[in-house]
């Protein structure tokens, strides 16, 4: 995977770019051998909607991950609008109808329903029955929050689609904590004074595969 990685997305007016599962798969396959035994953190990805989370949980064993962690910002404009992977969304179970973020941490994915394969049905079973795999956050799930930073410290590699408007701040945080990463950004980010020197010094690589 190299030391640092940047993947450029098409220019969008929205602050977030909804990433297709096939695009994630195509990109991760280039670095698949780099994930073995690693802790992957998707820190801008509601685990109940994110295709990044969906990809990594379905390929947990193939990639040989040690752990997968996901958190999402509860005020994200994408929440409840894309997938709702498991049918029960990101809801504070102690307050009816109040949207609150979870962190999800997975250390193994098995054939829990014994149908001969591991799929989303097994992940749904895991999240519903192994309560220690998901924790209601006390804050809003923002990547800058103390809770998210503590999870970031656990990670070896961060893979996500950060908010475009906070891209510089987001990348700065990754460097502050010395994390490898594969992220999507607006192509204009290459012109940022904080970003261009990283590319010039071969500390960040640019791809335009989407």
N, C-alpha and C. Protein backbone atom coordinates (compact mmCIF):
# COMPACT_ATOMS: atom_id res chain seq x y z
N UNK A 1 0.81 -1.20 0.00
CA UNK A 1 0.00 0.00 0.00
C UNK A 1 0.85 1.25 0.00
N UNK A 2 2.11 1.15 0.35
CA UNK A 2 2.92 2.36 0.43
C UNK A 2 2.68 3.08 1.74
N UNK A 3 3.26 4.24 1.88
CA UNK A 3 3.20 4.95 3.15
C UNK A 3 1.93 5.75 3.32
N UNK A 4 1.50 6.46 2.30
CA UNK A 4 0.29 7.25 2.36
C UNK A 4 -0.41 7.18 1.01
N UNK A 5 -1.72 7.29 0.99
CA UNK A 5 -2.44 7.16 -0.27
C UNK A 5 -3.61 8.12 -0.34
N UNK A 6 -3.81 8.71 -1.52
CA UNK A 6 -4.95 9.58 -1.77
C UNK A 6 -5.62 9.12 -3.05
N UNK A 7 -6.93 8.97 -2.99
CA UNK A 7 -7.70 8.62 -4.18
C UNK A 7 -8.59 9.80 -4.49
N UNK A 8 -8.56 10.28 -5.73
CA UNK A 8 -9.34 11.46 -6.09
C UNK A 8 -10.71 11.04 -6.61
N UNK A 9 -11.72 11.77 -6.23
CA UNK A 9 -13.08 11.52 -6.69
C UNK A 9 -13.51 12.62 -7.64
N UNK A 10 -14.60 12.39 -8.34
CA UNK A 10 -15.17 13.41 -9.20
C UNK A 10 -15.61 14.60 -8.35
N UNK A 11 -15.54 15.78 -8.94
CA UNK A 11 -15.94 16.97 -8.23
C UNK A 11 -17.44 16.93 -7.97
N UNK A 12 -17.82 17.16 -6.71
CA UNK A 12 -19.23 17.15 -6.33
C UNK A 12 -19.54 18.40 -5.54
N UNK A 13 -20.77 18.89 -5.66
CA UNK A 13 -21.19 20.03 -4.87
C UNK A 13 -21.44 19.63 -3.42
N UNK A 14 -21.85 18.39 -3.21
CA UNK A 14 -22.11 17.92 -1.86
C UNK A 14 -20.82 17.79 -1.07
N UNK A 15 -20.93 17.79 0.25
CA UNK A 15 -19.76 17.66 1.10
C UNK A 15 -19.31 16.22 1.20
N UNK A 16 -20.11 15.30 0.70
CA UNK A 16 -19.77 13.89 0.73
C UNK A 16 -19.99 13.29 -0.65
N UNK A 17 -19.22 12.29 -0.95
CA UNK A 17 -19.32 11.58 -2.21
C UNK A 17 -19.70 10.14 -1.90
N UNK A 18 -20.85 9.71 -2.40
CA UNK A 18 -21.31 8.36 -2.11
C UNK A 18 -20.55 7.38 -2.99
N UNK A 19 -19.82 6.49 -2.38
CA UNK A 19 -18.89 5.62 -3.08
C UNK A 19 -19.50 4.27 -3.38
N UNK A 20 -19.41 3.85 -4.61
CA UNK A 20 -19.97 2.57 -5.02
C UNK A 20 -19.10 1.43 -4.52
N UNK A 21 -19.75 0.32 -4.20
CA UNK A 21 -19.04 -0.84 -3.69
C UNK A 21 -18.01 -1.34 -4.69
N UNK A 22 -18.34 -1.34 -5.97
CA UNK A 22 -17.41 -1.84 -6.97
C UNK A 22 -16.17 -0.96 -7.11
N UNK A 23 -16.33 0.35 -6.87
CA UNK A 23 -15.18 1.24 -6.92
C UNK A 23 -14.25 1.00 -5.73
N UNK A 24 -14.85 0.76 -4.57
CA UNK A 24 -14.05 0.45 -3.38
C UNK A 24 -13.27 -0.84 -3.59
N UNK A 25 -13.96 -1.85 -4.11
CA UNK A 25 -13.31 -3.14 -4.34
C UNK A 25 -12.15 -3.02 -5.31
N UNK A 26 -12.34 -2.27 -6.39
CA UNK A 26 -11.29 -2.12 -7.39
C UNK A 26 -10.05 -1.45 -6.80
N UNK A 27 -10.27 -0.48 -5.93
CA UNK A 27 -9.14 0.24 -5.33
C UNK A 27 -8.44 -0.59 -4.26
N UNK A 28 -9.21 -1.22 -3.38
CA UNK A 28 -8.61 -1.99 -2.30
C UNK A 28 -7.84 -3.19 -2.84
N UNK A 29 -8.31 -3.76 -3.93
CA UNK A 29 -7.63 -4.92 -4.51
C UNK A 29 -6.19 -4.61 -4.90
N UNK A 30 -5.88 -3.34 -5.16
CA UNK A 30 -4.51 -2.96 -5.51
C UNK A 30 -3.57 -3.10 -4.32
N UNK A 31 -4.14 -3.06 -3.12
CA UNK A 31 -3.33 -3.06 -1.90
C UNK A 31 -3.71 -4.19 -0.95
N UNK A 32 -4.41 -5.19 -1.47
CA UNK A 32 -5.03 -6.20 -0.61
C UNK A 32 -4.04 -6.89 0.31
N UNK A 33 -2.80 -7.07 -0.13
CA UNK A 33 -1.82 -7.76 0.71
C UNK A 33 -1.34 -6.89 1.88
N UNK A 34 -1.67 -5.60 1.85
CA UNK A 34 -1.21 -4.69 2.91
C UNK A 34 -2.12 -4.69 4.12
N UNK A 35 -3.28 -5.35 4.02
CA UNK A 35 -4.26 -5.30 5.10
C UNK A 35 -4.16 -6.48 6.08
N UNK A 36 -3.38 -7.47 5.75
CA UNK A 36 -3.31 -8.66 6.59
C UNK A 36 -2.79 -8.31 7.98
N UNK A 37 -3.56 -8.74 9.00
CA UNK A 37 -3.18 -8.51 10.38
C UNK A 37 -3.31 -7.07 10.84
N UNK A 38 -4.02 -6.24 10.08
CA UNK A 38 -4.13 -4.82 10.40
C UNK A 38 -5.49 -4.47 11.00
N UNK A 39 -5.48 -3.37 11.74
CA UNK A 39 -6.71 -2.78 12.25
C UNK A 39 -7.11 -1.67 11.29
N UNK A 40 -8.28 -1.81 10.69
CA UNK A 40 -8.78 -0.82 9.73
C UNK A 40 -9.87 0.01 10.39
N UNK A 41 -9.78 1.30 10.23
CA UNK A 41 -10.76 2.21 10.82
C UNK A 41 -11.41 3.04 9.72
N UNK A 42 -12.73 2.94 9.62
CA UNK A 42 -13.53 3.78 8.72
C UNK A 42 -14.20 4.83 9.61
N UNK A 43 -13.58 5.98 9.74
CA UNK A 43 -14.01 6.93 10.77
C UNK A 43 -14.94 8.03 10.28
N UNK A 44 -15.40 7.91 9.04
CA UNK A 44 -16.44 8.83 8.54
C UNK A 44 -17.54 8.01 7.89
N UNK A 45 -17.85 6.86 8.47
CA UNK A 45 -18.73 5.90 7.83
C UNK A 45 -19.72 5.30 8.81
N UNK A 46 -20.95 5.76 8.77
CA UNK A 46 -21.97 5.12 9.57
C UNK A 46 -22.01 3.63 9.20
N UNK A 47 -21.75 2.75 10.14
CA UNK A 47 -21.63 1.33 9.81
C UNK A 47 -22.90 0.70 9.26
N UNK A 48 -24.04 1.37 9.46
CA UNK A 48 -25.29 0.80 8.97
C UNK A 48 -25.63 1.28 7.56
N UNK A 49 -24.80 2.16 7.01
CA UNK A 49 -25.08 2.67 5.67
C UNK A 49 -23.88 2.62 4.74
N UNK A 50 -22.67 2.53 5.29
CA UNK A 50 -21.46 2.73 4.51
C UNK A 50 -21.07 1.53 3.66
N UNK A 51 -20.78 1.79 2.40
CA UNK A 51 -20.25 0.74 1.54
C UNK A 51 -18.81 0.40 1.89
N UNK A 52 -18.07 1.33 2.52
CA UNK A 52 -16.73 1.00 2.99
C UNK A 52 -16.82 -0.07 4.07
N UNK A 53 -17.70 0.14 5.03
CA UNK A 53 -17.89 -0.86 6.07
C UNK A 53 -18.38 -2.18 5.47
N UNK A 54 -19.32 -2.09 4.56
CA UNK A 54 -19.87 -3.29 3.93
C UNK A 54 -18.76 -4.07 3.23
N UNK A 55 -17.91 -3.38 2.50
CA UNK A 55 -16.83 -4.06 1.78
C UNK A 55 -15.89 -4.78 2.76
N UNK A 56 -15.44 -4.05 3.77
CA UNK A 56 -14.45 -4.63 4.67
C UNK A 56 -15.02 -5.76 5.52
N UNK A 57 -16.28 -5.66 5.90
CA UNK A 57 -16.85 -6.73 6.72
C UNK A 57 -17.09 -7.98 5.88
N UNK A 58 -17.45 -7.80 4.61
CA UNK A 58 -17.66 -8.96 3.74
C UNK A 58 -16.33 -9.60 3.30
N UNK A 59 -15.27 -8.82 3.34
CA UNK A 59 -13.95 -9.31 2.93
C UNK A 59 -12.99 -9.42 4.11
N UNK A 60 -13.56 -9.43 5.30
CA UNK A 60 -12.75 -9.47 6.53
C UNK A 60 -11.76 -10.63 6.52
N UNK A 61 -12.26 -11.81 6.21
CA UNK A 61 -11.41 -13.01 6.24
C UNK A 61 -10.48 -13.07 5.03
N UNK A 62 -10.96 -12.68 3.88
CA UNK A 62 -10.11 -12.71 2.68
C UNK A 62 -8.91 -11.78 2.82
N UNK A 63 -9.13 -10.61 3.42
CA UNK A 63 -8.05 -9.66 3.61
C UNK A 63 -7.19 -9.99 4.83
N UNK A 64 -7.71 -10.86 5.70
CA UNK A 64 -6.98 -11.23 6.90
C UNK A 64 -6.90 -10.13 7.92
N UNK A 65 -7.99 -9.34 8.05
CA UNK A 65 -7.98 -8.23 8.99
C UNK A 65 -7.89 -8.71 10.44
N UNK A 66 -7.25 -7.91 11.24
CA UNK A 66 -7.22 -8.16 12.69
C UNK A 66 -8.46 -7.59 13.34
N UNK A 67 -8.87 -6.40 12.87
CA UNK A 67 -10.03 -5.73 13.46
C UNK A 67 -10.56 -4.70 12.49
N UNK A 68 -11.86 -4.50 12.50
CA UNK A 68 -12.51 -3.47 11.70
C UNK A 68 -13.31 -2.58 12.63
N UNK A 69 -13.08 -1.27 12.53
CA UNK A 69 -13.80 -0.30 13.35
C UNK A 69 -14.47 0.71 12.42
N UNK A 70 -15.68 1.11 12.76
CA UNK A 70 -16.38 2.11 11.96
C UNK A 70 -17.15 3.06 12.86
N UNK A 71 -17.10 4.34 12.53
CA UNK A 71 -17.93 5.34 13.19
C UNK A 71 -18.40 6.34 12.15
N UNK A 72 -19.52 6.99 12.43
CA UNK A 72 -20.04 7.99 11.51
C UNK A 72 -20.58 9.19 12.25
N UNK A 73 -20.59 10.32 11.57
CA UNK A 73 -21.09 11.56 12.13
C UNK A 73 -22.60 11.57 12.04
N UNK A 74 -23.29 11.77 13.16
CA UNK A 74 -24.75 11.58 13.16
C UNK A 74 -25.50 12.65 12.38
N UNK A 75 -24.85 13.80 12.11
CA UNK A 75 -25.51 14.84 11.33
C UNK A 75 -25.19 14.75 9.84
N UNK A 76 -24.53 13.67 9.45
CA UNK A 76 -24.20 13.49 8.04
C UNK A 76 -25.46 13.56 7.18
N UNK A 77 -25.41 14.27 6.04
CA UNK A 77 -26.59 14.33 5.17
C UNK A 77 -26.90 13.01 4.50
N UNK A 78 -25.98 12.03 4.59
CA UNK A 78 -26.20 10.73 3.97
C UNK A 78 -26.89 9.74 4.89
N UNK A 79 -26.94 10.06 6.19
CA UNK A 79 -27.48 9.08 7.13
C UNK A 79 -28.95 8.79 6.81
N UNK A 80 -29.30 7.51 6.80
CA UNK A 80 -30.65 7.02 6.49
C UNK A 80 -31.07 7.26 5.04
N UNK A 81 -30.14 7.63 4.15
CA UNK A 81 -30.55 7.93 2.78
C UNK A 81 -30.00 6.94 1.76
N UNK A 82 -29.12 6.03 2.18
CA UNK A 82 -28.44 5.19 1.20
C UNK A 82 -28.77 3.71 1.33
N UNK A 83 -28.32 3.08 2.41
CA UNK A 83 -28.40 1.63 2.46
C UNK A 83 -29.23 1.05 3.59
N UNK A 84 -29.05 1.56 4.79
CA UNK A 84 -29.59 0.92 5.99
C UNK A 84 -29.34 -0.59 5.90
N UNK A 85 -28.08 -0.97 5.93
CA UNK A 85 -27.65 -2.34 5.62
C UNK A 85 -28.39 -3.41 6.40
N UNK A 86 -28.73 -3.13 7.64
CA UNK A 86 -29.25 -4.18 8.50
C UNK A 86 -30.67 -3.93 8.97
N UNK A 87 -31.30 -2.88 8.48
CA UNK A 87 -32.71 -2.70 8.74
C UNK A 87 -33.08 -2.05 10.06
N UNK A 88 -32.06 -1.69 10.88
CA UNK A 88 -32.45 -1.06 12.13
C UNK A 88 -31.70 0.24 12.42
N UNK A 89 -30.88 0.69 11.49
CA UNK A 89 -30.36 2.05 11.51
C UNK A 89 -29.57 2.46 12.74
N UNK A 90 -29.23 3.72 12.78
CA UNK A 90 -28.41 4.28 13.84
C UNK A 90 -29.31 5.05 14.79
N UNK A 91 -29.89 4.37 15.75
CA UNK A 91 -30.88 4.99 16.63
C UNK A 91 -30.48 4.80 18.08
N UNK A 92 -30.64 5.83 18.86
CA UNK A 92 -30.41 5.74 20.30
C UNK A 92 -31.53 4.88 20.90
N UNK A 93 -31.14 3.70 21.39
CA UNK A 93 -32.15 2.76 21.88
C UNK A 93 -32.79 3.20 23.19
N UNK A 94 -32.24 4.24 23.81
CA UNK A 94 -32.81 4.71 25.07
C UNK A 94 -33.75 5.89 24.88
N UNK A 95 -33.83 6.38 23.66
CA UNK A 95 -34.70 7.53 23.37
C UNK A 95 -35.34 7.31 22.01
N UNK A 96 -36.60 7.05 21.97
CA UNK A 96 -37.29 6.66 20.75
C UNK A 96 -37.10 7.69 19.64
N UNK A 97 -36.59 7.20 18.53
CA UNK A 97 -36.50 8.02 17.33
C UNK A 97 -35.35 9.01 17.30
N UNK A 98 -34.51 9.06 18.30
CA UNK A 98 -33.42 10.00 18.32
C UNK A 98 -32.21 9.40 17.60
N UNK A 99 -31.73 10.09 16.59
CA UNK A 99 -30.59 9.59 15.84
C UNK A 99 -29.32 9.79 16.64
N UNK A 100 -28.59 8.71 16.87
CA UNK A 100 -27.31 8.76 17.57
C UNK A 100 -26.34 7.80 16.90
N UNK A 101 -25.08 8.12 16.92
CA UNK A 101 -24.12 7.25 16.23
C UNK A 101 -23.62 6.11 17.10
N UNK A 102 -23.26 5.02 16.44
CA UNK A 102 -22.60 3.90 17.08
C UNK A 102 -21.16 3.82 16.60
N UNK A 103 -20.32 3.21 17.40
CA UNK A 103 -19.07 2.67 16.89
C UNK A 103 -19.27 1.16 16.80
N UNK A 104 -18.73 0.58 15.76
CA UNK A 104 -18.79 -0.86 15.58
C UNK A 104 -17.37 -1.39 15.50
N UNK A 105 -17.08 -2.40 16.28
CA UNK A 105 -15.76 -3.04 16.27
C UNK A 105 -15.94 -4.53 16.06
N UNK A 106 -15.31 -5.05 15.04
CA UNK A 106 -15.45 -6.47 14.69
C UNK A 106 -14.08 -7.11 14.63
N UNK A 107 -13.92 -8.22 15.32
CA UNK A 107 -12.65 -8.94 15.32
C UNK A 107 -12.73 -10.29 14.63
N UNK A 108 -13.94 -10.71 14.26
CA UNK A 108 -14.10 -11.94 13.50
C UNK A 108 -15.45 -11.94 12.80
N UNK A 109 -15.49 -12.59 11.66
CA UNK A 109 -16.74 -12.77 10.92
C UNK A 109 -16.86 -14.24 10.60
N UNK A 110 -17.89 -14.88 11.16
CA UNK A 110 -18.10 -16.31 10.97
C UNK A 110 -19.44 -16.58 10.29
N UNK A 111 -19.62 -17.84 9.92
CA UNK A 111 -20.89 -18.28 9.34
C UNK A 111 -21.87 -18.56 10.49
N UNK A 112 -22.39 -17.48 11.08
CA UNK A 112 -23.21 -17.62 12.27
C UNK A 112 -24.53 -18.33 12.00
N UNK A 113 -25.10 -18.15 10.80
CA UNK A 113 -26.37 -18.80 10.51
C UNK A 113 -26.19 -20.16 9.83
N UNK A 114 -24.93 -20.58 9.70
CA UNK A 114 -24.59 -21.92 9.20
C UNK A 114 -25.22 -22.23 7.84
N UNK A 115 -25.14 -21.24 6.94
CA UNK A 115 -25.65 -21.48 5.59
C UNK A 115 -24.53 -21.75 4.59
N UNK A 116 -23.31 -21.96 5.09
CA UNK A 116 -22.20 -22.32 4.23
C UNK A 116 -21.41 -21.16 3.67
N UNK A 117 -21.70 -19.95 4.11
CA UNK A 117 -20.97 -18.79 3.62
C UNK A 117 -21.06 -17.66 4.65
N UNK A 118 -20.18 -16.68 4.52
CA UNK A 118 -20.27 -15.48 5.36
C UNK A 118 -20.77 -14.33 4.50
N UNK A 119 -21.85 -13.71 4.94
CA UNK A 119 -22.45 -12.64 4.18
C UNK A 119 -23.08 -11.63 5.12
N UNK A 120 -23.86 -10.70 4.57
CA UNK A 120 -24.45 -9.65 5.40
C UNK A 120 -25.40 -10.21 6.45
N UNK A 121 -26.02 -11.35 6.17
CA UNK A 121 -26.91 -11.96 7.15
C UNK A 121 -26.12 -12.35 8.41
N UNK A 122 -24.89 -12.80 8.23
CA UNK A 122 -24.06 -13.15 9.38
C UNK A 122 -23.63 -11.90 10.14
N UNK A 123 -23.35 -10.82 9.42
CA UNK A 123 -22.98 -9.57 10.07
C UNK A 123 -24.16 -9.00 10.84
N UNK A 124 -25.35 -9.11 10.26
CA UNK A 124 -26.56 -8.65 10.95
C UNK A 124 -26.75 -9.43 12.24
N UNK A 125 -26.55 -10.74 12.17
CA UNK A 125 -26.68 -11.57 13.37
C UNK A 125 -25.68 -11.15 14.42
N UNK A 126 -24.45 -10.91 13.99
CA UNK A 126 -23.39 -10.52 14.91
C UNK A 126 -23.74 -9.21 15.62
N UNK A 127 -24.18 -8.21 14.86
CA UNK A 127 -24.46 -6.90 15.44
C UNK A 127 -25.68 -6.92 16.35
N UNK A 128 -26.62 -7.80 16.06
CA UNK A 128 -27.83 -7.87 16.88
C UNK A 128 -27.65 -8.73 18.12
N UNK A 129 -26.74 -9.70 18.05
CA UNK A 129 -26.63 -10.66 19.13
C UNK A 129 -25.37 -10.53 19.97
N UNK A 130 -24.32 -9.99 19.41
CA UNK A 130 -23.10 -9.76 20.18
C UNK A 130 -23.00 -8.27 20.46
N UNK A 131 -23.62 -7.85 21.53
CA UNK A 131 -23.78 -6.43 21.81
C UNK A 131 -22.45 -5.71 22.01
N UNK A 132 -21.42 -6.45 22.40
CA UNK A 132 -20.14 -5.78 22.60
C UNK A 132 -19.48 -5.37 21.29
N UNK A 133 -20.07 -5.78 20.16
CA UNK A 133 -19.52 -5.39 18.87
C UNK A 133 -19.94 -3.97 18.48
N UNK A 134 -20.95 -3.41 19.16
CA UNK A 134 -21.38 -2.05 18.84
C UNK A 134 -21.65 -1.28 20.12
N UNK A 135 -21.24 -0.04 20.12
CA UNK A 135 -21.36 0.80 21.30
C UNK A 135 -21.94 2.16 20.91
N UNK A 136 -22.93 2.59 21.64
CA UNK A 136 -23.52 3.89 21.42
C UNK A 136 -22.52 4.96 21.87
N UNK A 137 -22.23 5.89 20.99
CA UNK A 137 -21.28 6.96 21.33
C UNK A 137 -21.97 8.02 22.17
N UNK A 138 -21.23 8.62 23.06
CA UNK A 138 -21.79 9.69 23.87
C UNK A 138 -21.82 11.02 23.12
N UNK A 139 -20.93 11.15 22.13
CA UNK A 139 -20.87 12.37 21.33
C UNK A 139 -21.54 12.20 19.98
N UNK A 140 -21.10 13.00 19.00
CA UNK A 140 -21.76 13.02 17.70
C UNK A 140 -21.07 12.17 16.64
N UNK A 141 -19.95 11.53 16.97
CA UNK A 141 -19.25 10.69 16.02
C UNK A 141 -18.32 11.43 15.08
N UNK A 142 -18.17 12.72 15.26
CA UNK A 142 -17.25 13.52 14.44
C UNK A 142 -15.84 12.96 14.57
N UNK A 143 -15.10 12.92 13.46
CA UNK A 143 -13.76 12.34 13.49
C UNK A 143 -12.81 13.11 14.41
N UNK A 144 -13.18 14.33 14.76
CA UNK A 144 -12.34 15.15 15.65
C UNK A 144 -12.68 14.97 17.13
N UNK A 145 -13.72 14.21 17.43
CA UNK A 145 -14.14 14.02 18.82
C UNK A 145 -13.14 13.14 19.57
N UNK A 146 -13.13 13.26 20.88
CA UNK A 146 -12.22 12.46 21.70
C UNK A 146 -12.46 10.97 21.51
N UNK A 147 -13.73 10.59 21.41
CA UNK A 147 -14.05 9.17 21.22
C UNK A 147 -13.47 8.64 19.92
N UNK A 148 -13.63 9.42 18.85
CA UNK A 148 -13.12 8.99 17.55
C UNK A 148 -11.60 8.97 17.53
N UNK A 149 -10.97 9.91 18.18
CA UNK A 149 -9.51 9.95 18.22
C UNK A 149 -8.96 8.75 18.98
N UNK A 150 -9.61 8.36 20.05
CA UNK A 150 -9.18 7.17 20.79
C UNK A 150 -9.24 5.92 19.91
N UNK A 151 -10.28 5.83 19.09
CA UNK A 151 -10.39 4.71 18.15
C UNK A 151 -9.33 4.83 17.05
N UNK A 152 -9.06 6.04 16.62
CA UNK A 152 -8.04 6.27 15.60
C UNK A 152 -6.68 5.76 16.07
N UNK A 153 -6.39 5.94 17.34
CA UNK A 153 -5.11 5.50 17.88
C UNK A 153 -4.91 3.99 17.75
N UNK A 154 -6.03 3.25 17.72
CA UNK A 154 -5.95 1.79 17.57
C UNK A 154 -5.60 1.37 16.15
N UNK A 155 -5.90 2.22 15.19
CA UNK A 155 -5.88 1.84 13.79
C UNK A 155 -4.48 1.77 13.20
N UNK A 156 -4.31 0.85 12.25
CA UNK A 156 -3.12 0.80 11.42
C UNK A 156 -3.35 1.55 10.11
N UNK A 157 -4.55 1.38 9.56
CA UNK A 157 -4.89 1.97 8.26
C UNK A 157 -6.29 2.59 8.35
N UNK A 158 -6.44 3.79 7.85
CA UNK A 158 -7.73 4.46 7.79
C UNK A 158 -8.21 4.48 6.34
N UNK A 159 -9.43 4.04 6.13
CA UNK A 159 -10.00 4.03 4.78
C UNK A 159 -11.40 4.62 4.86
N UNK A 160 -11.65 5.70 4.12
CA UNK A 160 -12.95 6.34 4.23
C UNK A 160 -13.12 7.42 3.17
N UNK A 161 -14.24 8.10 3.29
CA UNK A 161 -14.59 9.23 2.43
C UNK A 161 -14.85 10.42 3.34
N UNK A 162 -13.83 11.20 3.69
CA UNK A 162 -14.02 12.30 4.63
C UNK A 162 -14.81 13.45 4.02
N UNK A 163 -15.39 14.32 4.85
CA UNK A 163 -16.09 15.50 4.33
C UNK A 163 -15.13 16.37 3.53
N UNK A 164 -15.53 16.74 2.32
CA UNK A 164 -14.65 17.52 1.46
C UNK A 164 -14.27 18.85 2.09
N UNK A 165 -15.21 19.48 2.79
CA UNK A 165 -14.94 20.79 3.38
C UNK A 165 -13.93 20.74 4.51
N UNK A 166 -13.71 19.54 5.06
CA UNK A 166 -12.77 19.38 6.17
C UNK A 166 -11.55 18.57 5.76
N UNK A 167 -11.32 18.48 4.47
CA UNK A 167 -10.29 17.59 3.95
C UNK A 167 -8.91 17.92 4.51
N UNK A 168 -8.54 19.19 4.53
CA UNK A 168 -7.22 19.58 5.03
C UNK A 168 -7.06 19.22 6.50
N UNK A 169 -8.10 19.51 7.27
CA UNK A 169 -8.05 19.20 8.69
C UNK A 169 -8.00 17.69 8.91
N UNK A 170 -8.73 16.97 8.08
CA UNK A 170 -8.77 15.51 8.20
C UNK A 170 -7.39 14.90 7.92
N UNK A 171 -6.76 15.31 6.83
CA UNK A 171 -5.44 14.78 6.47
C UNK A 171 -4.41 15.16 7.53
N UNK A 172 -4.50 16.38 8.03
CA UNK A 172 -3.57 16.82 9.08
C UNK A 172 -3.66 15.92 10.30
N UNK A 173 -4.87 15.50 10.65
CA UNK A 173 -5.04 14.61 11.79
C UNK A 173 -4.38 13.26 11.54
N UNK A 174 -4.53 12.73 10.34
CA UNK A 174 -3.93 11.44 10.01
C UNK A 174 -2.41 11.50 10.15
N UNK A 175 -1.82 12.59 9.71
CA UNK A 175 -0.37 12.74 9.83
C UNK A 175 0.04 12.96 11.29
N UNK A 176 -0.77 13.68 12.03
CA UNK A 176 -0.47 13.92 13.43
C UNK A 176 -0.34 12.61 14.19
N UNK A 177 -1.20 11.64 13.84
CA UNK A 177 -1.19 10.36 14.55
C UNK A 177 -0.45 9.27 13.78
N UNK A 178 0.21 9.64 12.70
CA UNK A 178 1.06 8.72 11.98
C UNK A 178 0.34 7.55 11.35
N UNK A 179 -0.82 7.80 10.76
CA UNK A 179 -1.63 6.72 10.20
C UNK A 179 -1.46 6.59 8.68
N UNK A 180 -1.40 5.36 8.24
CA UNK A 180 -1.51 5.11 6.80
C UNK A 180 -2.97 5.27 6.42
N UNK A 181 -3.20 5.64 5.16
CA UNK A 181 -4.59 5.87 4.78
C UNK A 181 -4.83 5.73 3.29
N UNK A 182 -6.08 5.45 2.98
CA UNK A 182 -6.58 5.43 1.61
C UNK A 182 -7.92 6.14 1.66
N UNK A 183 -7.99 7.35 1.11
CA UNK A 183 -9.18 8.17 1.26
C UNK A 183 -9.58 8.78 -0.08
N UNK A 184 -10.84 9.21 -0.14
CA UNK A 184 -11.37 9.88 -1.33
C UNK A 184 -11.39 11.37 -1.07
N UNK A 185 -10.99 12.15 -2.06
CA UNK A 185 -11.03 13.59 -1.92
C UNK A 185 -11.41 14.27 -3.22
N UNK A 186 -11.91 15.47 -3.09
CA UNK A 186 -12.17 16.30 -4.26
C UNK A 186 -10.85 16.54 -4.99
N UNK A 187 -10.84 16.43 -6.30
CA UNK A 187 -9.60 16.56 -7.06
C UNK A 187 -8.92 17.90 -6.82
N UNK A 188 -9.70 18.93 -6.52
CA UNK A 188 -9.12 20.25 -6.26
C UNK A 188 -8.21 20.25 -5.04
N UNK A 189 -8.30 19.20 -4.22
CA UNK A 189 -7.47 19.13 -3.01
C UNK A 189 -5.98 19.14 -3.34
N UNK A 190 -5.62 18.73 -4.56
CA UNK A 190 -4.20 18.69 -4.91
C UNK A 190 -3.60 20.09 -4.93
N UNK A 191 -4.43 21.12 -5.03
CA UNK A 191 -3.92 22.49 -5.08
C UNK A 191 -3.79 23.11 -3.69
N UNK A 192 -4.29 22.45 -2.67
CA UNK A 192 -4.21 23.01 -1.32
C UNK A 192 -2.75 23.09 -0.89
N UNK A 193 -2.41 24.17 -0.22
CA UNK A 193 -1.02 24.35 0.21
C UNK A 193 -0.59 23.31 1.23
N UNK A 194 -1.57 22.75 1.94
CA UNK A 194 -1.26 21.70 2.91
C UNK A 194 -1.10 20.33 2.26
N UNK A 195 -1.69 20.15 1.07
CA UNK A 195 -1.72 18.84 0.42
C UNK A 195 -0.65 18.70 -0.65
N UNK A 196 -0.48 19.71 -1.48
CA UNK A 196 0.45 19.61 -2.61
C UNK A 196 1.87 19.22 -2.20
N UNK A 197 2.43 19.81 -1.12
CA UNK A 197 3.79 19.40 -0.73
C UNK A 197 3.89 17.92 -0.37
N UNK A 198 2.82 17.34 0.17
CA UNK A 198 2.84 15.92 0.51
C UNK A 198 2.94 15.06 -0.74
N UNK A 199 2.23 15.48 -1.78
CA UNK A 199 2.30 14.76 -3.06
C UNK A 199 3.66 14.96 -3.70
N UNK A 200 4.14 16.19 -3.68
CA UNK A 200 5.45 16.51 -4.27
C UNK A 200 6.57 15.73 -3.61
N UNK A 201 6.49 15.56 -2.29
CA UNK A 201 7.52 14.85 -1.54
C UNK A 201 7.29 13.34 -1.49
N UNK A 202 6.33 12.87 -2.28
CA UNK A 202 6.05 11.43 -2.39
C UNK A 202 5.61 10.82 -1.07
N UNK A 203 4.93 11.64 -0.25
CA UNK A 203 4.37 11.15 1.00
C UNK A 203 2.89 10.79 0.84
N UNK A 204 2.31 11.22 -0.26
CA UNK A 204 0.92 10.92 -0.59
C UNK A 204 0.85 10.68 -2.08
N UNK A 205 0.08 9.65 -2.48
CA UNK A 205 -0.05 9.32 -3.89
C UNK A 205 -1.45 9.65 -4.37
N UNK A 206 -1.51 10.10 -5.61
CA UNK A 206 -2.77 10.51 -6.20
C UNK A 206 -3.20 9.50 -7.25
N UNK A 207 -4.47 9.11 -7.20
CA UNK A 207 -5.03 8.23 -8.21
C UNK A 207 -6.32 8.83 -8.72
N UNK A 208 -6.67 8.53 -9.95
CA UNK A 208 -7.88 9.07 -10.56
C UNK A 208 -8.67 7.95 -11.21
N UNK A 209 -8.95 6.91 -10.44
CA UNK A 209 -9.59 5.73 -11.01
C UNK A 209 -11.10 5.80 -11.02
N UNK A 210 -11.72 6.73 -10.27
CA UNK A 210 -13.18 6.80 -10.23
C UNK A 210 -13.72 7.58 -11.40
